[in-house]
Amino acid sequence: MFVIAVKSKLTRKKAVIVATIAAVLGILVAFVCISAFSHNPPSSAYCESYGEYSTLAQTDEQVEAFAQQFYEVEKLYSLQEVYVPVKFNDVYEQYNELQKLQGLDLEPYQGEKCRLYMYSLSDFDIDGKQGIMSVIVYRGKVIGGDISNQVKDSTYFTFYGEQVS
């Protein structure tokens, strides 16, 4: 039987430091990987009233094409950065129920920064006022939105025109 002994040039203290640094780096890499793949929205949604539809919206043109699947878009009315609230109040709970009717759900994106596109629609009016489609985009996918006339306490509609009081 042969026994091979190798003497390390690292002292015990240095070995502990190297192991600790390696462990911290491993944890950081795992955190970055988990963050990169978490909250990745699906590329399509399904609802009973409309069926399956694409949620792809990686460019401004794709967001407009998304809106055009449902109605004639007249122009981009507004574009802004918004945050999905970290905690939903009663109003946002109701708003998320509208999202669920569309096969979407804002809960996984609480606290996330999104882009809000608002388009004026040429073929949708509400109580004599032009309809505005709001489209909420996160990481190149539509995660929510509605149609309204931007009047306080007005009726909201799903993307495909289902009325929600």
Protein backbone atom coordinates (compact mmCIF):
# COMPACT_ATOMS: atom_id res chain seq x y z
CA MET A 1 0.00 0.00 0.00
CA PHE A 2 1.27 3.44 -0.92
CA VAL A 3 0.54 6.59 1.01
CA ILE A 4 1.08 9.90 -0.67
CA ALA A 5 1.31 12.96 1.47
CA VAL A 6 0.99 16.38 -0.05
CA LYS A 7 1.82 19.39 2.00
CA SER A 8 -0.21 22.41 1.09
CA LYS A 9 1.38 25.80 1.02
CA LEU A 10 -1.86 27.28 2.29
CA THR A 11 -2.20 27.66 5.98
CA ARG A 12 -5.46 26.72 7.62
CA LYS A 13 -6.44 30.40 7.95
CA LYS A 14 -5.84 31.07 4.26
CA ALA A 15 -7.80 27.96 3.29
CA VAL A 16 -10.79 29.17 5.35
CA ILE A 17 -10.63 32.59 3.67
CA VAL A 18 -10.47 31.05 0.19
CA ALA A 19 -13.38 28.70 0.99
CA THR A 20 -15.45 31.60 2.36
CA ILE A 21 -14.83 33.73 -0.73
CA ALA A 22 -15.76 30.79 -2.98
CA ALA A 23 -18.99 30.23 -1.02
CA VAL A 24 -19.96 33.93 -1.20
CA LEU A 25 -19.27 34.00 -4.95
CA GLY A 26 -21.37 30.86 -5.38
CA ILE A 27 -24.27 32.44 -3.50
CA LEU A 28 -24.00 35.63 -5.60
CA VAL A 29 -24.02 33.66 -8.85
CA ALA A 30 -27.06 31.68 -7.68
CA PHE A 31 -28.86 34.91 -6.69
CA VAL A 32 -28.15 36.52 -10.09
CA CYS A 33 -29.40 33.41 -11.91
CA ILE A 34 -32.56 33.21 -9.84
CA SER A 35 -33.24 36.94 -10.31
CA ALA A 36 -32.72 36.72 -14.05
CA PHE A 37 -35.21 33.90 -14.48
CA SER A 38 -37.83 34.87 -11.91
CA HIS A 39 -40.92 36.81 -12.91
CA ASN A 40 -40.48 35.95 -16.56
CA PRO A 41 -43.93 36.56 -18.04
CA PRO A 42 -45.42 34.05 -20.49
CA SER A 43 -45.48 34.90 -24.22
CA SER A 44 -49.22 34.28 -24.52
CA ALA A 45 -52.36 34.45 -22.42
CA TYR A 46 -55.68 32.64 -22.59
CA CYS A 47 -59.16 33.66 -21.53
CA GLU A 48 -62.52 32.00 -22.10
CA SER A 49 -64.13 34.98 -23.86
CA TYR A 50 -61.38 35.64 -26.40
CA GLY A 51 -59.12 32.59 -26.58
CA GLU A 52 -55.34 32.63 -26.77
CA TYR A 53 -53.45 35.78 -27.69
CA SER A 54 -49.81 36.83 -27.90
CA THR A 55 -48.32 38.99 -25.15
CA LEU A 56 -45.00 39.62 -26.91
CA ALA A 57 -44.03 43.29 -26.66
CA GLN A 58 -40.24 43.65 -26.78
CA THR A 59 -40.26 46.77 -28.97
CA ASP A 60 -42.54 49.79 -29.24
CA GLU A 61 -43.74 48.41 -32.58
CA GLN A 62 -44.65 45.06 -30.99
CA VAL A 63 -46.60 46.84 -28.25
CA GLU A 64 -48.58 48.70 -30.90
CA ALA A 65 -49.11 45.42 -32.81
CA PHE A 66 -50.39 43.91 -29.55
CA ALA A 67 -52.99 46.70 -29.26
CA GLN A 68 -53.88 46.31 -32.95
CA GLN A 69 -54.87 42.66 -32.37
CA PHE A 70 -57.96 44.05 -30.66
CA TYR A 71 -58.75 47.54 -32.03
CA GLU A 72 -57.67 50.21 -34.49
CA VAL A 73 -54.94 52.23 -32.80
CA GLU A 74 -55.05 55.92 -33.65
CA LYS A 75 -51.86 57.07 -31.89
CA LEU A 76 -49.61 56.62 -28.87
CA TYR A 77 -51.27 58.80 -26.26
CA SER A 78 -48.73 58.38 -23.44
CA LEU A 79 -45.69 56.32 -22.46
CA GLN A 80 -44.37 56.23 -18.90
CA GLU A 81 -42.49 54.16 -16.35
CA VAL A 82 -44.72 52.83 -13.55
CA TYR A 83 -44.43 50.41 -10.66
CA VAL A 84 -46.91 47.67 -9.86
CA PRO A 85 -47.76 48.35 -6.20
CA VAL A 86 -45.96 46.19 -3.65
CA LYS A 87 -49.23 45.79 -1.74
CA PHE A 88 -52.60 45.92 -3.48
CA ASN A 89 -55.37 48.05 -2.00
CA ASP A 90 -59.06 47.36 -2.75
CA VAL A 91 -58.94 49.30 -6.03
CA TYR A 92 -55.91 47.40 -7.28
CA GLU A 93 -57.44 44.08 -6.16
CA GLN A 94 -60.45 44.89 -8.37
CA TYR A 95 -58.15 45.98 -11.20
CA ASN A 96 -56.30 42.68 -10.94
CA GLU A 97 -59.61 40.82 -11.21
CA LEU A 98 -60.00 42.50 -14.62
CA GLN A 99 -56.53 41.22 -15.50
CA LYS A 100 -57.49 37.70 -14.50
CA LEU A 101 -60.52 37.88 -16.84
CA GLN A 102 -57.95 38.46 -19.61
CA GLY A 103 -55.79 35.51 -18.57
CA LEU A 104 -53.23 37.80 -16.90
CA ASP A 105 -52.29 38.44 -13.27
CA LEU A 106 -50.33 41.36 -11.79
CA GLU A 107 -49.56 39.70 -8.43
CA PRO A 108 -46.25 38.09 -9.51
CA TYR A 109 -45.01 41.55 -10.54
CA GLN A 110 -45.73 43.45 -7.33
CA GLY A 111 -43.01 46.05 -6.80
CA GLU A 112 -41.64 45.69 -10.34
CA LYS A 113 -40.95 48.64 -12.67
CA CYS A 114 -42.91 48.44 -15.92
CA ARG A 115 -43.69 50.52 -18.98
CA LEU A 116 -47.23 51.81 -19.42
CA TYR A 117 -48.27 52.47 -23.01
CA MET A 118 -51.56 54.28 -23.62
CA TYR A 119 -53.10 54.34 -27.10
CA SER A 120 -56.09 56.31 -28.29
CA LEU A 121 -58.44 54.02 -30.21
CA SER A 122 -60.26 55.17 -33.34
CA ASP A 123 -62.94 52.48 -33.20
CA PHE A 124 -63.88 52.36 -29.50
CA ASP A 125 -65.65 55.04 -27.54
CA ILE A 126 -67.13 55.01 -24.06
CA ASP A 127 -70.03 57.32 -23.20
CA GLY A 128 -69.16 59.55 -26.16
CA LYS A 129 -65.47 59.81 -25.22
CA GLN A 130 -62.60 58.19 -27.09
CA GLY A 131 -61.42 54.88 -25.71
CA ILE A 132 -57.85 54.66 -24.42
CA MET A 133 -56.10 51.29 -24.26
CA SER A 134 -53.54 50.97 -21.46
CA VAL A 135 -50.91 48.26 -21.91
CA ILE A 136 -48.55 47.33 -19.05
CA VAL A 137 -45.29 45.75 -20.24
CA TYR A 138 -42.66 43.96 -18.15
CA ARG A 139 -39.54 42.32 -19.63
CA GLY A 140 -40.90 42.45 -23.17
CA LYS A 141 -44.29 40.91 -22.39
CA VAL A 142 -47.73 42.36 -21.70
CA ILE A 143 -48.72 41.64 -18.10
CA GLY A 144 -51.86 43.79 -17.85
CA GLY A 145 -53.94 46.64 -19.15
CA ASP A 146 -57.44 47.82 -19.92
CA ILE A 147 -59.59 50.10 -22.02
CA SER A 148 -61.27 53.14 -20.48
CA ASN A 149 -62.04 56.73 -21.34
CA GLN A 150 -59.73 58.07 -18.62
CA VAL A 151 -62.65 59.71 -16.79
CA LYS A 152 -62.68 59.15 -13.03
CA ASP A 153 -64.97 56.28 -11.96
CA SER A 154 -65.67 55.31 -15.56
CA THR A 155 -66.24 51.77 -16.74
CA TYR A 156 -63.22 49.62 -17.57
CA PHE A 157 -63.11 47.07 -20.35
CA THR A 158 -60.85 44.13 -21.05
CA PHE A 159 -58.67 44.21 -24.16
CA TYR A 160 -61.37 42.41 -26.10
CA GLY A 161 -64.19 44.72 -24.94
CA GLU A 162 -65.77 42.86 -22.03
CA GLN A 163 -67.24 45.44 -19.65
CA VAL A 164 -66.13 45.45 -16.03
CA SER A 165 -67.95 47.75 -13.60
